[in-house]
Amino acid sequence: MRVLRLGAEYGERPSRLIGIEDGYTAFCFDEACGFISGKLRERDAKEPARRERAGAGNAGAGDLVEYLRGFGK
């Protein structure tokens, strides 16, 4: 989810932030990020704010990025 926040903050496509060079792979990744972002906005609009444990949900993000980078080569 960091890549979504960073992309919004810096006005960059998520695929560019993580270095996907293949055009089609970048398009698919950006579409997936857009879909996830939309679902998160829908969820946030429906659910009241809640506190989460510090660091929860961040485990494995680096592994996902490395896995996805492998598709652009």
Protein backbone atom coordinates (compact mmCIF):
# COMPACT_ATOMS: atom_id res chain seq x y z
CA MET A 1 0.00 0.00 0.00
CA ARG A 2 3.01 2.28 0.34
CA VAL A 3 3.38 2.50 -3.40
CA LEU A 4 -0.21 3.80 -3.66
CA ARG A 5 0.45 6.52 -1.09
CA LEU A 6 3.78 7.49 -2.65
CA GLY A 7 2.30 7.59 -6.12
CA ALA A 8 -0.47 9.91 -4.96
CA GLU A 9 1.93 12.09 -2.99
CA TYR A 10 4.45 12.52 -5.82
CA GLY A 11 2.06 12.35 -8.76
CA GLU A 12 3.78 9.29 -10.25
CA ARG A 13 2.43 6.05 -11.62
CA PRO A 14 3.00 3.18 -9.18
CA SER A 15 4.78 1.15 -11.86
CA ARG A 16 7.31 3.94 -12.36
CA LEU A 17 8.00 4.16 -8.63
CA ILE A 18 9.02 0.51 -8.46
CA GLY A 19 10.84 0.50 -11.79
CA ILE A 20 8.67 -1.61 -14.10
CA GLU A 21 10.00 -0.98 -17.60
CA ASP A 22 7.79 -3.23 -19.74
CA GLY A 23 4.84 -1.13 -20.94
CA TYR A 24 2.16 -3.79 -20.69
CA THR A 25 3.32 -5.01 -17.28
CA ALA A 26 3.38 -1.40 -16.06
CA PHE A 27 -0.15 -0.86 -17.37
CA CYS A 28 -1.43 -3.99 -15.62
CA PHE A 29 0.28 -3.05 -12.35
CA ASP A 30 -1.12 0.49 -12.49
CA GLU A 31 -4.60 -0.86 -13.21
CA ALA A 32 -4.35 -3.24 -10.25
CA CYS A 33 -3.20 -0.39 -8.00
CA GLY A 34 -6.12 1.73 -9.17
CA PHE A 35 -8.54 -1.09 -8.44
CA ILE A 36 -7.10 -1.63 -4.96
CA SER A 37 -7.11 2.10 -4.26
CA GLY A 38 -10.78 2.32 -5.26
CA LYS A 39 -11.71 -0.59 -3.03
CA LEU A 40 -9.87 0.99 -0.11
CA ARG A 41 -11.73 4.26 -0.64
CA GLU A 42 -15.05 2.39 -0.73
CA ARG A 43 -14.16 0.54 2.46
CA ASP A 44 -13.07 3.71 4.23
CA ALA A 45 -16.29 5.46 3.26
CA LYS A 46 -18.36 2.61 4.74
CA GLU A 47 -16.37 1.84 7.91
CA PRO A 48 -15.72 4.12 10.85
CA ALA A 49 -12.09 4.96 11.59
CA ARG A 50 -10.25 2.32 13.59
CA ARG A 51 -6.89 2.02 15.23
CA GLU A 52 -4.57 -0.72 14.10
CA ARG A 53 -1.50 -2.19 15.69
CA ALA A 54 1.70 -0.37 14.82
CA GLY A 55 3.31 -1.99 11.81
CA ALA A 56 0.39 -4.32 11.08
CA GLY A 57 -0.14 -4.95 7.39
CA ASN A 58 3.38 -4.00 6.33
CA ALA A 59 4.89 -7.46 6.49
CA GLY A 60 5.77 -8.86 3.09
CA ALA A 61 5.42 -5.62 1.10
CA GLY A 62 9.07 -5.74 0.06
CA ASP A 63 8.68 -9.34 -1.05
CA LEU A 64 5.69 -8.42 -3.20
CA VAL A 65 7.59 -5.60 -4.89
CA GLU A 66 10.54 -7.89 -5.64
CA TYR A 67 8.20 -10.55 -7.02
CA LEU A 68 6.47 -8.05 -9.30
CA ARG A 69 9.78 -6.62 -10.52
CA GLY A 70 10.59 -10.05 -11.91
CA PHE A 71 7.75 -9.74 -14.42
CA GLY A 72 9.17 -6.61 -16.05
CA LYS A 73 12.35 -8.36 -17.18
